[in-house]
Protein backbone atom coordinates (compact mmCIF):
# COMPACT_ATOMS: atom_id res chain seq x y z
CA UNK A 1 0.00 0.00 0.00
CA UNK A 2 1.50 3.39 -0.98
CA UNK A 3 2.68 5.62 1.86
CA UNK A 4 2.49 8.82 -0.18
CA UNK A 5 0.16 10.44 -2.67
CA UNK A 6 1.40 12.29 -5.74
CA UNK A 7 -1.13 14.55 -7.46
CA UNK A 8 -0.87 17.06 -10.27
CA UNK A 9 -2.95 20.21 -9.99
CA UNK A 10 -2.23 22.04 -13.20
CA UNK A 11 1.50 22.70 -13.26
CA UNK A 12 1.84 22.09 -9.52
CA UNK A 13 2.82 18.72 -8.06
CA UNK A 14 1.51 17.90 -4.58
CA UNK A 15 3.35 15.23 -2.58
CA UNK A 16 1.41 14.12 0.50
CA UNK A 17 3.01 11.89 3.13
CA UNK A 18 0.27 9.52 4.25
CA UNK A 19 1.09 6.82 6.79
CA UNK A 20 -1.25 7.26 9.74
CA UNK A 21 0.30 4.37 11.70
CA UNK A 22 3.64 6.20 12.06
CA UNK A 23 2.50 9.82 11.80
CA UNK A 24 4.10 9.87 8.34
CA UNK A 25 7.53 8.70 9.52
CA UNK A 26 10.24 8.30 6.88
CA UNK A 27 11.01 4.59 6.66
CA UNK A 28 12.70 2.76 3.77
CA UNK A 29 9.52 2.40 1.69
CA UNK A 30 8.52 6.02 2.12
CA UNK A 31 12.06 7.12 1.21
CA UNK A 32 11.73 5.27 -2.09
CA UNK A 33 8.38 6.90 -2.85
CA UNK A 34 9.65 10.39 -1.96
CA UNK A 35 12.73 9.85 -4.12
CA UNK A 36 10.56 8.81 -7.06
CA UNK A 37 8.36 11.88 -6.61
CA UNK A 38 11.34 14.25 -6.47
CA UNK A 39 12.80 12.66 -9.61
CA UNK A 40 9.48 13.04 -11.42
CA UNK A 41 9.30 16.74 -10.53
CA UNK A 42 12.95 17.25 -11.44
CA UNK A 43 12.64 15.72 -14.90
CA UNK A 44 9.19 16.96 -15.99
CA UNK A 45 9.41 20.47 -17.49
CA UNK A 46 5.62 20.81 -17.32
CA UNK A 47 5.78 20.79 -13.50
CA UNK A 48 6.59 24.30 -12.30
CA UNK A 49 6.40 23.93 -8.50
CA UNK A 50 6.21 21.28 -5.75
CA UNK A 51 4.10 21.33 -2.59
CA UNK A 52 5.02 18.84 0.15
CA UNK A 53 2.55 18.22 2.96
CA UNK A 54 1.36 15.52 5.33
CA UNK A 55 -1.95 13.82 5.97
CA UNK A 56 -3.46 12.65 9.27
CA UNK A 57 -2.88 15.95 11.10
CA UNK A 58 0.92 15.76 10.92
CA UNK A 59 3.69 16.66 8.50
CA UNK A 60 6.28 14.00 9.41
CA UNK A 61 7.29 12.50 12.76
CA UNK A 62 10.86 11.78 11.61
CA UNK A 63 12.63 8.48 11.09
CA UNK A 64 10.82 5.21 11.71
CA UNK A 65 12.40 4.16 15.02
CA UNK A 66 10.95 0.65 14.86
CA UNK A 67 12.65 0.10 11.53
CA UNK A 68 15.87 1.64 12.81
CA UNK A 69 15.89 -0.63 15.87
CA UNK A 70 15.37 -3.77 13.79
CA UNK A 71 17.71 -2.92 10.90
CA UNK A 72 20.77 -4.62 12.40
CA UNK A 73 23.26 -2.50 10.41
CA UNK A 74 26.88 -1.85 11.32
CA UNK A 75 28.55 1.56 10.96
CA UNK A 76 29.28 1.04 7.28
CA UNK A 77 25.70 -0.06 6.68
CA UNK A 78 24.29 3.05 8.33
CA UNK A 79 26.64 5.24 6.31
CA UNK A 80 25.46 3.60 3.08
CA UNK A 81 21.83 4.05 4.15
CA UNK A 82 22.42 7.75 4.80
CA UNK A 83 24.02 8.10 1.37
CA UNK A 84 20.79 6.73 -0.14
CA UNK A 85 18.85 9.37 1.79
CA UNK A 86 21.27 12.05 0.63
CA UNK A 87 20.85 11.15 -3.03
CA UNK A 88 17.22 12.30 -3.21
CA UNK A 89 17.67 15.00 -0.57
CA UNK A 90 20.42 16.55 -2.68
CA UNK A 91 18.06 16.52 -5.67
CA UNK A 92 15.33 18.16 -3.58
CA UNK A 93 17.62 20.86 -2.19
CA UNK A 94 18.99 21.62 -5.65
CA UNK A 95 15.62 21.42 -7.43
CA UNK A 96 15.37 24.34 -9.85
CA UNK A 97 11.66 24.79 -9.11
CA UNK A 98 10.00 26.33 -6.04
CA UNK A 99 9.32 23.91 -3.18
CA UNK A 100 6.64 24.85 -0.65
CA UNK A 101 6.38 22.76 2.53
CA UNK A 102 2.99 22.98 4.24
CA UNK A 103 3.49 21.90 7.86
CA UNK A 104 0.65 20.92 10.15
CA UNK A 105 1.21 19.08 13.44
CA UNK A 106 4.55 17.40 14.06
CA UNK A 107 7.69 18.00 11.98
CA UNK A 108 10.27 16.17 14.10
CA UNK A 109 13.76 14.87 13.35
CA UNK A 110 14.10 13.99 9.69
CA UNK A 111 10.62 15.42 9.19
CA UNK A 112 11.93 18.79 10.33
CA UNK A 113 14.84 18.35 7.93
CA UNK A 114 12.42 17.62 5.11
CA UNK A 115 10.47 20.80 5.89
CA UNK A 116 13.69 22.86 5.90
CA UNK A 117 14.44 21.59 2.38
CA UNK A 118 11.58 23.76 1.12
CA UNK A 119 12.10 27.25 -0.25
CA UNK A 120 9.05 28.35 1.71
CA UNK A 121 7.69 26.81 4.91
CA UNK A 122 4.06 27.51 5.70
CA UNK A 123 2.81 26.32 9.09
CA UNK A 124 -0.45 26.04 10.97
CA UNK A 125 -0.97 27.37 14.47
CA UNK A 126 -0.73 23.80 15.78
CA UNK A 127 2.58 23.00 14.06
CA UNK A 128 5.38 21.65 16.30
CA UNK A 129 8.96 21.39 15.08
CA UNK A 130 11.90 19.72 16.78
CA UNK A 131 15.49 18.68 16.08
CA UNK A 132 14.81 15.62 18.20
CA UNK A 133 17.84 13.46 17.41
CA UNK A 134 19.73 13.94 20.69
CA UNK A 135 16.76 12.43 22.56
CA UNK A 136 17.68 9.08 21.00
CA UNK A 137 21.45 9.55 21.07
CA UNK A 138 21.84 10.61 17.44
CA UNK A 139 23.05 13.65 15.53
CA UNK A 140 20.82 15.54 13.09
CA UNK A 141 20.48 14.24 9.55
CA UNK A 142 18.26 14.95 6.52
CA UNK A 143 20.42 17.96 5.71
CA UNK A 144 19.81 19.85 8.98
CA UNK A 145 23.51 20.60 9.52
CA UNK A 146 23.37 22.49 6.21
CA UNK A 147 19.91 24.06 6.23
CA UNK A 148 19.24 25.10 9.83
CA UNK A 149 22.32 27.32 10.44
CA UNK A 150 21.62 29.11 7.15
CA UNK A 151 18.13 29.99 8.38
CA UNK A 152 18.57 30.77 12.09
CA UNK A 153 22.35 31.28 12.40
CA UNK A 154 24.98 28.95 13.91
CA UNK A 155 24.35 29.78 17.60
CA UNK A 156 20.59 29.25 17.51
CA UNK A 157 21.02 26.15 15.35
CA UNK A 158 23.35 24.61 17.94
CA UNK A 159 20.86 25.46 20.70
CA UNK A 160 18.01 23.78 18.85
CA UNK A 161 20.16 20.73 18.09
CA UNK A 162 21.57 20.36 21.62
CA UNK A 163 18.36 21.14 23.52
CA UNK A 164 16.14 18.96 21.29
CA UNK A 165 13.28 21.22 22.39
CA UNK A 166 10.05 21.82 20.52
CA UNK A 167 9.45 25.00 18.55
CA UNK A 168 5.85 26.12 18.17
CA UNK A 169 4.44 27.99 15.20
CA UNK A 170 4.90 31.47 16.70
CA UNK A 171 8.57 30.86 17.47
CA UNK A 172 9.12 29.25 14.06
CA UNK A 173 7.78 32.46 12.53
CA UNK A 174 10.03 34.66 14.69
CA UNK A 175 13.12 32.58 13.88
CA UNK A 176 12.42 32.65 10.15
CA UNK A 177 11.84 28.90 9.96
CA UNK A 178 8.24 29.48 8.91
CA UNK A 179 7.40 32.24 6.44
CA UNK A 180 3.69 32.35 7.32
CA UNK A 181 1.30 30.79 9.84
CA UNK A 182 -2.27 29.93 8.83
CA UNK A 183 -5.33 28.20 10.21
CA UNK A 184 -5.26 24.46 9.37
CA UNK A 185 -8.03 24.75 6.79
CA UNK A 186 -6.20 27.58 5.01
CA UNK A 187 -2.77 25.91 4.87
CA UNK A 188 -3.00 23.87 1.67
CA UNK A 189 -4.99 26.51 -0.30
CA UNK A 190 -2.29 29.07 0.53
CA UNK A 191 0.50 26.66 -0.45
CA UNK A 192 -1.24 25.95 -3.76
CA UNK A 193 -1.76 29.65 -4.42
CA UNK A 194 1.96 30.29 -3.96
CA UNK A 195 2.85 27.34 -6.18
CA UNK A 196 0.45 28.37 -8.94
CA UNK A 197 1.81 31.91 -9.01
CA UNK A 198 5.04 30.52 -10.47
CA UNK A 199 3.22 29.23 -13.55
CA UNK A 200 3.58 32.77 -14.91
CA UNK A 201 7.19 33.23 -13.83
CA UNK A 202 10.29 32.70 -15.93
CA UNK A 203 11.42 29.13 -15.28
CA UNK A 204 14.99 30.17 -16.12
CA UNK A 205 14.98 33.10 -13.69
CA UNK A 206 13.51 30.95 -10.91
CA UNK A 207 16.19 28.33 -11.48
CA UNK A 208 18.98 30.91 -11.51
CA UNK A 209 17.72 32.57 -8.31
CA UNK A 210 17.65 29.24 -6.51
CA UNK A 211 21.07 28.17 -7.72
CA UNK A 212 22.72 31.50 -6.89
CA UNK A 213 21.25 31.81 -3.40
CA UNK A 214 22.49 28.28 -2.67
CA UNK A 215 26.09 29.38 -3.35
CA UNK A 216 28.67 29.81 -0.61
CA UNK A 217 28.87 32.95 1.54
CA UNK A 218 32.02 34.07 -0.29
CA UNK A 219 31.33 37.58 -1.65
CA UNK A 220 33.52 37.31 -4.77
CA UNK A 221 31.95 34.00 -5.74
CA UNK A 222 28.44 35.32 -5.06
CA UNK A 223 29.01 38.38 -7.28
CA UNK A 224 30.49 36.24 -10.04
CA UNK A 225 27.53 33.85 -9.96
CA UNK A 226 25.16 36.83 -9.90
CA UNK A 227 26.73 38.26 -13.06
CA UNK A 228 26.60 34.91 -14.85
CA UNK A 229 22.98 34.34 -13.87
CA UNK A 230 21.82 37.82 -14.87
CA UNK A 231 23.55 37.57 -18.24
CA UNK A 232 21.62 34.36 -18.95
CA UNK A 233 18.34 35.86 -17.75
CA UNK A 234 18.79 39.02 -19.82
CA UNK A 235 18.91 36.94 -23.00
CA UNK A 236 15.83 34.88 -22.20
CA UNK A 237 12.56 35.19 -24.13
CA UNK A 238 10.68 35.44 -20.82
CA UNK A 239 12.57 38.62 -19.97
CA UNK A 240 11.89 40.15 -23.38
CA UNK A 241 8.17 39.34 -23.12
CA UNK A 242 7.99 40.79 -19.61
CA UNK A 243 9.63 44.03 -20.73
CA UNK A 244 7.21 44.32 -23.65
CA UNK A 245 4.27 43.70 -21.32
CA UNK A 246 5.52 46.48 -19.05
CA UNK A 247 6.09 48.95 -21.88
CA UNK A 248 2.70 48.20 -23.40
CA UNK A 249 1.00 48.36 -19.96
CA UNK A 250 -0.17 44.75 -19.93
CA UNK A 251 -0.39 42.97 -16.55
CA UNK A 252 2.66 40.86 -15.69
CA UNK A 253 2.51 37.11 -16.18
CA UNK A 254 3.90 36.57 -12.68
CA UNK A 255 2.32 38.02 -9.54
CA UNK A 256 2.92 36.88 -5.95
CA UNK A 257 -0.48 36.13 -4.39
CA UNK A 258 -1.55 38.52 -1.62
């Protein structure tokens, strides 16, 4: 029985984690399904944005501890298993299309890492987020060592990792982890509205923005990448059409939803 649902709504793909028995935990089977979904989005030019959400009142409770306890792997085996996780996570983090994570309920451990892989995190007022790994004697995975310090800064990231405390929706908003907080019934409609707005955006410009903001903090490198990206965007047909629309007073194809 599938543990996820993959739906197309126009040019938007919606990936829903749906395993009520584990509160949408990421076990081996779910990892395969998520990897397949990410690959489908990555390779289909007709898909312009991805929304990731969870069913059953939760986003994702993290790794499947029952599966972890029964795996019987040695150190090398765990390293290989993490490399499998990293293969699709790397594709998700480098996806050249907007990723919106709609978080309701728990986003713990690897589930928190999955949420942080989004370009935009929308949360409900009942969302709870936690870097919970230290509670079970582990270090963070699912990219958290990379994503969390870039969002909240190194000091706060270490505090969240070492305290393993829960962050509610209001604090997530203050820390910049969540971009917006909505009522549960408004969460998915808002995520879809954001995703659909990119149907009118330049796919090249979106890709270049994502790639350039993912660069290192080195100023010289950032400016060099900026120049390369803008030169490509300036020559694109989307840019030329947008300029003509502006000069001829036509509404823009892309507009961020209020």
